[in-house]
Amino acid sequence: FWRQHSSLSRLRERVGVRGEYTWKVSLSNKTAKMELEMSSPTTSFAELLYINPDGKASYCFNSKLSQARIRVNPVDEAPFEYITPHGGALEFLKPRDCV
C-alpha cells in the first residue's frame, strides 16, 4: 500500500479540527482517505510558559502520552487502522488570556 500511496503531498483535501485536548486531520485524494486523530487526558499535559519573540506570553500544553489513531481507507484495498494508546506527542500553544 505505502509504495503506491507514499506521497502525502498528493493528498489534496485537508480538513483539520482541534478540540480542547484533541486534534484530528482528514486527508484524501483519488486513491485513498486517511484520518489521524490524537487525544490526551488533561492530566497528561505539562504546562510551560513560552515567551514569544514579540514579548507576549503564551502557554504551551505538551503531552508525550497521547493516544494516536490512524485510519486509512484505500479505494481499491481493504481499510486498516493503527492505534497506540500512549505513544503520540501532542502540543498546543495558547495565548495567556485563553488559559
PDB file of N, CA and C in Angstrom:
ATOM      1  N   PHE A   1       0.816  -1.205   0.000  1.00  0.00           N
ATOM      2  CA  PHE A   1       0.000   0.000   0.000  1.00  0.00           C
ATOM      3  C   PHE A   1       0.855   1.263   0.000  1.00  0.00           C
ATOM      4  N   TRP A   2       1.834   1.356   0.909  1.00  0.00           N
ATOM      5  CA  TRP A   2       2.587   2.604   1.063  1.00  0.00           C
ATOM      6  C   TRP A   2       3.415   2.946  -0.165  1.00  0.00           C
ATOM      7  N   ARG A   3       3.876   1.958  -0.899  1.00  0.00           N
ATOM      8  CA  ARG A   3       4.630   2.261  -2.117  1.00  0.00           C
ATOM      9  C   ARG A   3       3.742   2.913  -3.168  1.00  0.00           C
ATOM     10  N   GLN A   4       2.492   2.491  -3.240  1.00  0.00           N
ATOM     11  CA  GLN A   4       1.566   3.080  -4.209  1.00  0.00           C
ATOM     12  C   GLN A   4       1.082   4.453  -3.766  1.00  0.00           C
ATOM     13  N   HIS A   5       0.985   4.676  -2.469  1.00  0.00           N
ATOM     14  CA  HIS A   5       0.381   5.903  -1.931  1.00  0.00           C
ATOM     15  C   HIS A   5       1.356   6.637  -1.020  1.00  0.00           C
ATOM     16  N   SER A   6       2.634   6.620  -1.334  1.00  0.00           N
ATOM     17  CA  SER A   6       3.640   7.108  -0.393  1.00  0.00           C
ATOM     18  C   SER A   6       3.709   8.624  -0.282  1.00  0.00           C
ATOM     19  N   SER A   7       3.239   9.378  -1.212  1.00  0.00           N
ATOM     20  CA  SER A   7       3.396  10.824  -1.167  1.00  0.00           C
ATOM     21  C   SER A   7       2.202  11.500  -0.508  1.00  0.00           C
ATOM     22  N   LEU A   8       2.405  11.974   0.708  1.00  0.00           N
ATOM     23  CA  LEU A   8       1.323  12.698   1.388  1.00  0.00           C
ATOM     24  C   LEU A   8       1.029  14.028   0.702  1.00  0.00           C
ATOM     25  N   SER A   9       1.989  14.550  -0.054  1.00  0.00           N
ATOM     26  CA  SER A   9       1.742  15.813  -0.753  1.00  0.00           C
ATOM     27  C   SER A   9       0.658  15.663  -1.816  1.00  0.00           C
ATOM     28  N   ARG A  10       0.379  14.437  -2.225  1.00  0.00           N
ATOM     29  CA  ARG A  10      -0.673  14.208  -3.213  1.00  0.00           C
ATOM     30  C   ARG A  10      -2.056  14.156  -2.583  1.00  0.00           C
ATOM     31  N   LEU A  11      -2.129  14.177  -1.278  1.00  0.00           N
ATOM     32  CA  LEU A  11      -3.425  14.179  -0.604  1.00  0.00           C
ATOM     33  C   LEU A  11      -3.955  15.605  -0.637  1.00  0.00           C
ATOM     34  N   ARG A  12      -4.921  15.832  -1.471  1.00  0.00           N
ATOM     35  CA  ARG A  12      -5.374  17.193  -1.782  1.00  0.00           C
ATOM     36  C   ARG A  12      -6.315  17.801  -0.744  1.00  0.00           C
ATOM     37  N   GLU A  13      -7.299  17.058  -0.338  1.00  0.00           N
ATOM     38  CA  GLU A  13      -8.287  17.615   0.574  1.00  0.00           C
ATOM     39  C   GLU A  13      -7.782  17.470   1.996  1.00  0.00           C
ATOM     40  N   ARG A  14      -7.727  18.563   2.703  1.00  0.00           N
ATOM     41  CA  ARG A  14      -7.252  18.545   4.081  1.00  0.00           C
ATOM     42  C   ARG A  14      -8.279  19.245   4.966  1.00  0.00           C
ATOM     43  N   VAL A  15      -8.683  18.576   6.010  1.00  0.00           N
ATOM     44  CA  VAL A  15      -9.621  19.151   6.960  1.00  0.00           C
ATOM     45  C   VAL A  15      -9.050  18.905   8.348  1.00  0.00           C
ATOM     46  N   GLY A  16      -8.854  19.944   9.117  1.00  0.00           N
ATOM     47  CA  GLY A  16      -8.334  19.803  10.462  1.00  0.00           C
ATOM     48  C   GLY A  16      -9.325  20.320  11.489  1.00  0.00           C
ATOM     49  N   VAL A  17      -9.390  19.649  12.625  1.00  0.00           N
ATOM     50  CA  VAL A  17     -10.277  20.046  13.717  1.00  0.00           C
ATOM     51  C   VAL A  17      -9.480  19.936  15.009  1.00  0.00           C
ATOM     52  N   ARG A  18      -9.555  20.959  15.840  1.00  0.00           N
ATOM     53  CA  ARG A  18      -8.876  20.903  17.122  1.00  0.00           C
ATOM     54  C   ARG A  18      -9.883  21.130  18.233  1.00  0.00           C
ATOM     55  N   GLY A  19      -9.886  20.255  19.205  1.00  0.00           N
ATOM     56  CA  GLY A  19     -10.703  20.414  20.397  1.00  0.00           C
ATOM     57  C   GLY A  19      -9.823  20.872  21.543  1.00  0.00           C
ATOM     58  N   GLU A  20     -10.360  20.868  22.744  1.00  0.00           N
ATOM     59  CA  GLU A  20      -9.594  21.299  23.916  1.00  0.00           C
ATOM     60  C   GLU A  20      -8.309  20.483  24.070  1.00  0.00           C
ATOM     61  N   TYR A  21      -8.416  19.175  24.006  1.00  0.00           N
ATOM     62  CA  TYR A  21      -7.243  18.308  24.160  1.00  0.00           C
ATOM     63  C   TYR A  21      -7.218  17.224  23.090  1.00  0.00           C
ATOM     64  N   THR A  22      -7.717  17.541  21.906  1.00  0.00           N
ATOM     65  CA  THR A  22      -7.723  16.599  20.785  1.00  0.00           C
ATOM     66  C   THR A  22      -7.330  17.319  19.502  1.00  0.00           C
ATOM     67  N   TRP A  23      -6.906  16.539  18.537  1.00  0.00           N
ATOM     68  CA  TRP A  23      -6.576  17.060  17.219  1.00  0.00           C
ATOM     69  C   TRP A  23      -6.911  15.993  16.200  1.00  0.00           C
ATOM     70  N   LYS A  24      -7.563  16.376  15.119  1.00  0.00           N
ATOM     71  CA  LYS A  24      -7.947  15.431  14.078  1.00  0.00           C
ATOM     72  C   LYS A  24      -7.716  16.083  12.720  1.00  0.00           C
ATOM     73  N   VAL A  25      -7.167  15.313  11.802  1.00  0.00           N
ATOM     74  CA  VAL A  25      -6.976  15.803  10.439  1.00  0.00           C
ATOM     75  C   VAL A  25      -7.397  14.695   9.481  1.00  0.00           C
ATOM     76  N   SER A  26      -8.082  15.078   8.413  1.00  0.00           N
ATOM     77  CA  SER A  26      -8.517  14.151   7.370  1.00  0.00           C
ATOM     78  C   SER A  26      -7.867  14.561   6.066  1.00  0.00           C
ATOM     79  N   LEU A  27      -7.320  13.589   5.368  1.00  0.00           N
ATOM     80  CA  LEU A  27      -6.662  13.822   4.091  1.00  0.00           C
ATOM     81  C   LEU A  27      -7.229  12.846   3.076  1.00  0.00           C
ATOM     82  N   SER A  28      -7.351  13.271   1.831  1.00  0.00           N
ATOM     83  CA  SER A  28      -7.843  12.346   0.818  1.00  0.00           C
ATOM     84  C   SER A  28      -7.360  12.765  -0.566  1.00  0.00           C
ATOM     85  N   ASN A  29      -7.362  11.788  -1.452  1.00  0.00           N
ATOM     86  CA  ASN A  29      -7.122  12.019  -2.867  1.00  0.00           C
ATOM     87  C   ASN A  29      -7.914  10.976  -3.644  1.00  0.00           C
ATOM     88  N   LYS A  30      -7.616  10.763  -4.894  1.00  0.00           N
ATOM     89  CA  LYS A  30      -8.379   9.816  -5.705  1.00  0.00           C
ATOM     90  C   LYS A  30      -8.180   8.370  -5.279  1.00  0.00           C
ATOM     91  N   THR A  31      -7.076   8.053  -4.603  1.00  0.00           N
ATOM     92  CA  THR A  31      -6.758   6.663  -4.299  1.00  0.00           C
ATOM     93  C   THR A  31      -6.963   6.256  -2.845  1.00  0.00           C
ATOM     94  N   ALA A  32      -7.069   7.233  -1.946  1.00  0.00           N
ATOM     95  CA  ALA A  32      -7.181   6.862  -0.530  1.00  0.00           C
ATOM     96  C   ALA A  32      -7.707   8.020   0.301  1.00  0.00           C
ATOM     97  N   LYS A  33      -8.260   7.658   1.461  1.00  0.00           N
ATOM     98  CA  LYS A  33      -8.631   8.618   2.503  1.00  0.00           C
ATOM     99  C   LYS A  33      -7.880   8.220   3.759  1.00  0.00           C
ATOM    100  N   MET A  34      -7.396   9.211   4.494  1.00  0.00           N
ATOM    101  CA  MET A  34      -6.673   8.953   5.723  1.00  0.00           C
ATOM    102  C   MET A  34      -7.166   9.904   6.808  1.00  0.00           C
ATOM    103  N   GLU A  35      -7.307   9.396   8.012  1.00  0.00           N
ATOM    104  CA  GLU A  35      -7.707  10.224   9.146  1.00  0.00           C
ATOM    105  C   GLU A  35      -6.764   9.950  10.301  1.00  0.00           C
ATOM    106  N   LEU A  36      -6.222  11.008  10.863  1.00  0.00           N
ATOM    107  CA  LEU A  36      -5.364  10.918  12.041  1.00  0.00           C
ATOM    108  C   LEU A  36      -6.061  11.633  13.181  1.00  0.00           C
ATOM    109  N   GLU A  37      -6.153  10.969  14.318  1.00  0.00           N
ATOM    110  CA  GLU A  37      -6.786  11.566  15.494  1.00  0.00           C
ATOM    111  C   GLU A  37      -5.873  11.348  16.697  1.00  0.00           C
ATOM    112  N   MET A  38      -5.643  12.416  17.454  1.00  0.00           N
ATOM    113  CA  MET A  38      -4.822  12.335  18.654  1.00  0.00           C
ATOM    114  C   MET A  38      -5.574  12.966  19.805  1.00  0.00           C
ATOM    115  N   SER A  39      -5.436  12.379  21.001  1.00  0.00           N
ATOM    116  CA  SER A  39      -6.100  12.928  22.180  1.00  0.00           C
ATOM    117  C   SER A  39      -5.335  12.526  23.428  1.00  0.00           C
ATOM    118  N   SER A  40      -5.509  13.327  24.462  1.00  0.00           N
ATOM    119  CA  SER A  40      -4.879  13.066  25.757  1.00  0.00           C
ATOM    120  C   SER A  40      -5.790  13.565  26.865  1.00  0.00           C
ATOM    121  N   PRO A  41      -5.778  12.886  28.007  1.00  0.00           N
ATOM    122  CA  PRO A  41      -6.494  13.442  29.154  1.00  0.00           C
ATOM    123  C   PRO A  41      -5.730  14.664  29.669  1.00  0.00           C
ATOM    124  N   THR A  42      -6.432  15.566  30.310  1.00  0.00           N
ATOM    125  CA  THR A  42      -5.799  16.793  30.789  1.00  0.00           C
ATOM    126  C   THR A  42      -4.649  16.518  31.755  1.00  0.00           C
ATOM    127  N   THR A  43      -4.711  15.422  32.474  1.00  0.00           N
ATOM    128  CA  THR A  43      -3.668  15.108  33.461  1.00  0.00           C
ATOM    129  C   THR A  43      -2.339  14.700  32.830  1.00  0.00           C
ATOM    130  N   SER A  44      -2.313  14.431  31.530  1.00  0.00           N
ATOM    131  CA  SER A  44      -1.057  14.013  30.906  1.00  0.00           C
ATOM    132  C   SER A  44      -0.294  15.173  30.258  1.00  0.00           C
ATOM    133  N   PHE A  45      -0.804  16.403  30.378  1.00  0.00           N
ATOM    134  CA  PHE A  45      -0.140  17.557  29.779  1.00  0.00           C
ATOM    135  C   PHE A  45       0.753  18.281  30.779  1.00  0.00           C
ATOM    136  N   ALA A  46       1.917  18.687  30.297  1.00  0.00           N
ATOM    137  CA  ALA A  46       2.758  19.623  31.050  1.00  0.00           C
ATOM    138  C   ALA A  46       2.438  21.017  30.529  1.00  0.00           C
ATOM    139  N   GLU A  47       2.353  21.977  31.425  1.00  0.00           N
ATOM    140  CA  GLU A  47       2.062  23.359  31.042  1.00  0.00           C
ATOM    141  C   GLU A  47       3.339  24.176  31.202  1.00  0.00           C
ATOM    142  N   LEU A  48       3.782  24.784  30.104  1.00  0.00           N
ATOM    143  CA  LEU A  48       5.036  25.525  30.104  1.00  0.00           C
ATOM    144  C   LEU A  48       4.798  26.957  29.633  1.00  0.00           C
ATOM    145  N   LEU A  49       5.398  27.916  30.318  1.00  0.00           N
ATOM    146  CA  LEU A  49       5.316  29.310  29.897  1.00  0.00           C
ATOM    147  C   LEU A  49       6.243  29.512  28.706  1.00  0.00           C
ATOM    148  N   TYR A  50       5.738  30.148  27.672  1.00  0.00           N
ATOM    149  CA  TYR A  50       6.517  30.420  26.465  1.00  0.00           C
ATOM    150  C   TYR A  50       6.426  31.906  26.173  1.00  0.00           C
ATOM    151  N   ILE A  51       7.581  32.563  26.055  1.00  0.00           N
ATOM    152  CA  ILE A  51       7.613  33.982  25.716  1.00  0.00           C
ATOM    153  C   ILE A  51       7.869  34.097  24.214  1.00  0.00           C
ATOM    154  N   ASN A  52       6.908  34.660  23.497  1.00  0.00           N
ATOM    155  CA  ASN A  52       7.014  34.840  22.056  1.00  0.00           C
ATOM    156  C   ASN A  52       8.070  35.891  21.723  1.00  0.00           C
ATOM    157  N   PRO A  53       8.576  35.894  20.492  1.00  0.00           N
ATOM    158  CA  PRO A  53       9.574  36.897  20.109  1.00  0.00           C
ATOM    159  C   PRO A  53       9.105  38.336  20.312  1.00  0.00           C
ATOM    160  N   ASP A  54       7.792  38.583  20.230  1.00  0.00           N
ATOM    161  CA  ASP A  54       7.291  39.945  20.441  1.00  0.00           C
ATOM    162  C   ASP A  54       7.124  40.285  21.928  1.00  0.00           C
ATOM    163  N   GLY A  55       7.485  39.341  22.823  1.00  0.00           N
ATOM    164  CA  GLY A  55       7.412  39.583  24.260  1.00  0.00           C
ATOM    165  C   GLY A  55       6.123  39.140  24.916  1.00  0.00           C
ATOM    166  N   LYS A  56       5.109  38.790  24.127  1.00  0.00           N
ATOM    167  CA  LYS A  56       3.840  38.327  24.694  1.00  0.00           C
ATOM    168  C   LYS A  56       3.990  36.895  25.198  1.00  0.00           C
ATOM    169  N   ALA A  57       3.319  36.612  26.296  1.00  0.00           N
ATOM    170  CA  ALA A  57       3.401  35.287  26.901  1.00  0.00           C
ATOM    171  C   ALA A  57       2.300  34.370  26.389  1.00  0.00           C
ATOM    172  N   SER A  58       2.644  33.141  26.195  1.00  0.00           N
ATOM    173  CA  SER A  58       1.700  32.085  25.844  1.00  0.00           C
ATOM    174  C   SER A  58       2.009  30.882  26.716  1.00  0.00           C
ATOM    175  N   TYR A  59       1.092  29.932  26.705  1.00  0.00           N
ATOM    176  CA  TYR A  59       1.324  28.696  27.419  1.00  0.00           C
ATOM    177  C   TYR A  59       1.336  27.542  26.431  1.00  0.00           C
ATOM    178  N   CYS A  60       2.333  26.695  26.581  1.00  0.00           N
ATOM    179  CA  CYS A  60       2.463  25.513  25.761  1.00  0.00           C
ATOM    180  C   CYS A  60       1.969  24.322  26.577  1.00  0.00           C
ATOM    181  N   PHE A  61       0.990  23.607  26.047  1.00  0.00           N
ATOM    182  CA  PHE A  61       0.476  22.392  26.675  1.00  0.00           C
ATOM    183  C   PHE A  61       1.030  21.222  25.874  1.00  0.00           C
ATOM    184  N   ASN A  62       1.840  20.385  26.518  1.00  0.00           N
ATOM    185  CA  ASN A  62       2.580  19.337  25.828  1.00  0.00           C
ATOM    186  C   ASN A  62       2.345  17.995  26.497  1.00  0.00           C
ATOM    187  N   SER A  63       2.022  16.993  25.692  1.00  0.00           N
ATOM    188  CA  SER A  63       1.873  15.625  26.180  1.00  0.00           C
ATOM    189  C   SER A  63       2.629  14.678  25.269  1.00  0.00           C
ATOM    190  N   LYS A  64       3.439  13.843  25.845  1.00  0.00           N
ATOM    191  CA  LYS A  64       4.127  12.790  25.095  1.00  0.00           C
ATOM    192  C   LYS A  64       3.417  11.453  25.278  1.00  0.00           C
ATOM    193  N   LEU A  65       2.231  11.471  25.871  1.00  0.00           N
ATOM    194  CA  LEU A  65       1.488  10.248  26.196  1.00  0.00           C
ATOM    195  C   LEU A  65       0.125  10.207  25.519  1.00  0.00           C
ATOM    196  N   SER A  66       0.007  10.791  24.359  1.00  0.00           N
ATOM    197  CA  SER A  66      -1.284  10.873  23.674  1.00  0.00           C
ATOM    198  C   SER A  66      -1.636   9.581  22.953  1.00  0.00           C
ATOM    199  N   GLN A  67      -2.941   9.320  22.906  1.00  0.00           N
ATOM    200  CA  GLN A  67      -3.423   8.233  22.066  1.00  0.00           C
ATOM    201  C   GLN A  67      -3.397   8.723  20.626  1.00  0.00           C
ATOM    202  N   ALA A  68      -2.889   7.909  19.738  1.00  0.00           N
ATOM    203  CA  ALA A  68      -2.874   8.252  18.323  1.00  0.00           C
ATOM    204  C   ALA A  68      -3.542   7.121  17.550  1.00  0.00           C
ATOM    205  N   ARG A  69      -4.405   7.515  16.626  1.00  0.00           N
ATOM    206  CA  ARG A  69      -5.114   6.543  15.794  1.00  0.00           C
ATOM    207  C   ARG A  69      -5.069   7.034  14.355  1.00  0.00           C
ATOM    208  N   ILE A  70      -4.620   6.172  13.470  1.00  0.00           N
ATOM    209  CA  ILE A  70      -4.621   6.499  12.052  1.00  0.00           C
ATOM    210  C   ILE A  70      -5.478   5.467  11.336  1.00  0.00           C
ATOM    211  N   ARG A  71      -6.401   5.967  10.527  1.00  0.00           N
ATOM    212  CA  ARG A  71      -7.273   5.107   9.729  1.00  0.00           C
ATOM    213  C   ARG A  71      -7.003   5.401   8.258  1.00  0.00           C
ATOM    214  N   VAL A  72      -6.800   4.350   7.492  1.00  0.00           N
ATOM    215  CA  VAL A  72      -6.547   4.504   6.059  1.00  0.00           C
ATOM    216  C   VAL A  72      -7.584   3.684   5.308  1.00  0.00           C
ATOM    217  N   ASN A  73      -8.211   4.324   4.330  1.00  0.00           N
ATOM    218  CA  ASN A  73      -9.233   3.671   3.532  1.00  0.00           C
ATOM    219  C   ASN A  73      -8.866   3.810   2.053  1.00  0.00           C
ATOM    220  N   PRO A  74      -8.070   2.853   1.531  1.00  0.00           N
ATOM    221  CA  PRO A  74      -7.732   2.899   0.107  1.00  0.00           C
ATOM    222  C   PRO A  74      -8.969   2.591  -0.738  1.00  0.00           C
ATOM    223  N   VAL A  75      -9.040   3.169  -1.908  1.00  0.00           N
ATOM    224  CA  VAL A  75     -10.187   2.947  -2.790  1.00  0.00           C
ATOM    225  C   VAL A  75     -10.287   1.488  -3.210  1.00  0.00           C
ATOM    226  N   ASP A  76      -9.161   0.865  -3.533  1.00  0.00           N
ATOM    227  CA  ASP A  76      -9.199  -0.484  -4.091  1.00  0.00           C
ATOM    228  C   ASP A  76      -8.581  -1.552  -3.179  1.00  0.00           C
ATOM    229  N   GLU A  77      -8.462  -1.268  -1.882  1.00  0.00           N
ATOM    230  CA  GLU A  77      -7.930  -2.230  -0.922  1.00  0.00           C
ATOM    231  C   GLU A  77      -8.752  -2.165   0.355  1.00  0.00           C
ATOM    232  N   ALA A  78      -8.553  -3.125   1.219  1.00  0.00           N
ATOM    233  CA  ALA A  78      -9.275  -3.155   2.495  1.00  0.00           C
ATOM    234  C   ALA A  78      -8.784  -2.026   3.414  1.00  0.00           C
ATOM    235  N   PRO A  79      -9.686  -1.362   4.126  1.00  0.00           N
ATOM    236  CA  PRO A  79      -9.270  -0.327   5.072  1.00  0.00           C
ATOM    237  C   PRO A  79      -8.508  -0.950   6.246  1.00  0.00           C
ATOM    238  N   PHE A  80      -7.687  -0.122   6.882  1.00  0.00           N
ATOM    239  CA  PHE A  80      -6.947  -0.583   8.057  1.00  0.00           C
ATOM    240  C   PHE A  80      -6.701   0.591   8.988  1.00  0.00           C
ATOM    241  N   GLU A  81      -6.343   0.265  10.234  1.00  0.00           N
ATOM    242  CA  GLU A  81      -6.017   1.314  11.200  1.00  0.00           C
ATOM    243  C   GLU A  81      -4.938   0.835  12.150  1.00  0.00           C
ATOM    244  N   TYR A  82      -4.214   1.809  12.682  1.00  0.00           N
ATOM    245  CA  TYR A  82      -3.202   1.564  13.691  1.00  0.00           C
ATOM    246  C   TYR A  82      -3.524   2.448  14.882  1.00  0.00           C
ATOM    247  N   ILE A  83      -3.360   1.899  16.082  1.00  0.00           N
ATOM    248  CA  ILE A  83      -3.644   2.647  17.310  1.00  0.00           C
ATOM    249  C   ILE A  83      -2.492   2.454  18.289  1.00  0.00           C
ATOM    250  N   THR A  84      -2.076   3.540  18.902  1.00  0.00           N
ATOM    251  CA  THR A  84      -1.155   3.460  20.024  1.00  0.00           C
ATOM    252  C   THR A  84      -1.832   4.163  21.199  1.00  0.00           C
ATOM    253  N   PRO A  85      -1.993   3.488  22.331  1.00  0.00           N
ATOM    254  CA  PRO A  85      -2.732   4.089  23.441  1.00  0.00           C
ATOM    255  C   PRO A  85      -2.007   5.255  24.111  1.00  0.00           C
ATOM    256  N   HIS A  86      -0.687   5.340  23.981  1.00  0.00           N
ATOM    257  CA  HIS A  86       0.039   6.423  24.663  1.00  0.00           C
ATOM    258  C   HIS A  86       1.389   6.716  24.015  1.00  0.00           C
ATOM    259  N   GLY A  87       1.489   6.553  22.697  1.00  0.00           N
ATOM    260  CA  GLY A  87       2.762   6.763  22.022  1.00  0.00           C
ATOM    261  C   GLY A  87       2.848   8.004  21.170  1.00  0.00           C
ATOM    262  N   GLY A  88       1.846   8.868  21.229  1.00  0.00           N
ATOM    263  CA  GLY A  88       1.843  10.067  20.393  1.00  0.00           C
ATOM    264  C   GLY A  88       2.258  11.309  21.157  1.00  0.00           C
ATOM    265  N   ALA A  89       2.754  12.300  20.446  1.00  0.00           N
ATOM    266  CA  ALA A  89       3.122  13.589  21.032  1.00  0.00           C
ATOM    267  C   ALA A  89       2.127  14.642  20.539  1.00  0.00           C
ATOM    268  N   LEU A  90       1.530  15.362  21.461  1.00  0.00           N
ATOM    269  CA  LEU A  90       0.504  16.356  21.144  1.00  0.00           C
ATOM    270  C   LEU A  90       0.849  17.645  21.868  1.00  0.00           C
ATOM    271  N   GLU A  91       0.775  18.764  21.153  1.00  0.00           N
ATOM    272  CA  GLU A  91       1.163  20.035  21.751  1.00  0.00           C
ATOM    273  C   GLU A  91       0.275  21.158  21.227  1.00  0.00           C
ATOM    274  N   PHE A  92      -0.129  22.046  22.126  1.00  0.00           N
ATOM    275  CA  PHE A  92      -0.920  23.216  21.769  1.00  0.00           C
ATOM    276  C   PHE A  92      -0.284  24.447  22.393  1.00  0.00           C
ATOM    277  N   LEU A  93      -0.316  25.553  21.681  1.00  0.00           N
ATOM    278  CA  LEU A  93       0.146  26.819  22.211  1.00  0.00           C
ATOM    279  C   LEU A  93      -1.061  27.734  22.340  1.00  0.00           C
ATOM    280  N   LYS A  94      -1.297  28.235  23.536  1.00  0.00           N
ATOM    281  CA  LYS A  94      -2.453  29.099  23.782  1.00  0.00           C
ATOM    282  C   LYS A  94      -1.989  30.431  24.338  1.00  0.00           C
ATOM    283  N   PRO A  95      -2.596  31.521  23.871  1.00  0.00           N
ATOM    284  CA  PRO A  95      -2.264  32.830  24.447  1.00  0.00           C
ATOM    285  C   PRO A  95      -2.596  32.850  25.934  1.00  0.00           C
ATOM    286  N   ARG A  96      -1.897  33.667  26.672  1.00  0.00           N
ATOM    287  CA  ARG A  96      -2.068  33.737  28.135  1.00  0.00           C
ATOM    288  C   ARG A  96      -3.521  34.016  28.512  1.00  0.00           C
ATOM    289  N   ASP A  97      -4.208  34.871  27.762  1.00  0.00           N
ATOM    290  CA  ASP A  97      -5.589  35.223  28.119  1.00  0.00           C
ATOM    291  C   ASP A  97      -6.606  34.123  27.797  1.00  0.00           C
ATOM    292  N   CYS A  98      -6.191  33.028  27.155  1.00  0.00           N
ATOM    293  CA  CYS A  98      -7.086  31.924  26.847  1.00  0.00           C
ATOM    294  C   CYS A  98      -6.960  30.767  27.824  1.00  0.00           C
ATOM    295  N   VAL A  99      -6.102  30.902  28.796  1.00  0.00           N
ATOM    296  CA  VAL A  99      -5.857  29.801  29.742  1.00  0.00           C
ATOM    297  C   VAL A  99      -6.737  29.958  30.958  1.00  0.00           C
TER     298      VAL A  99
END
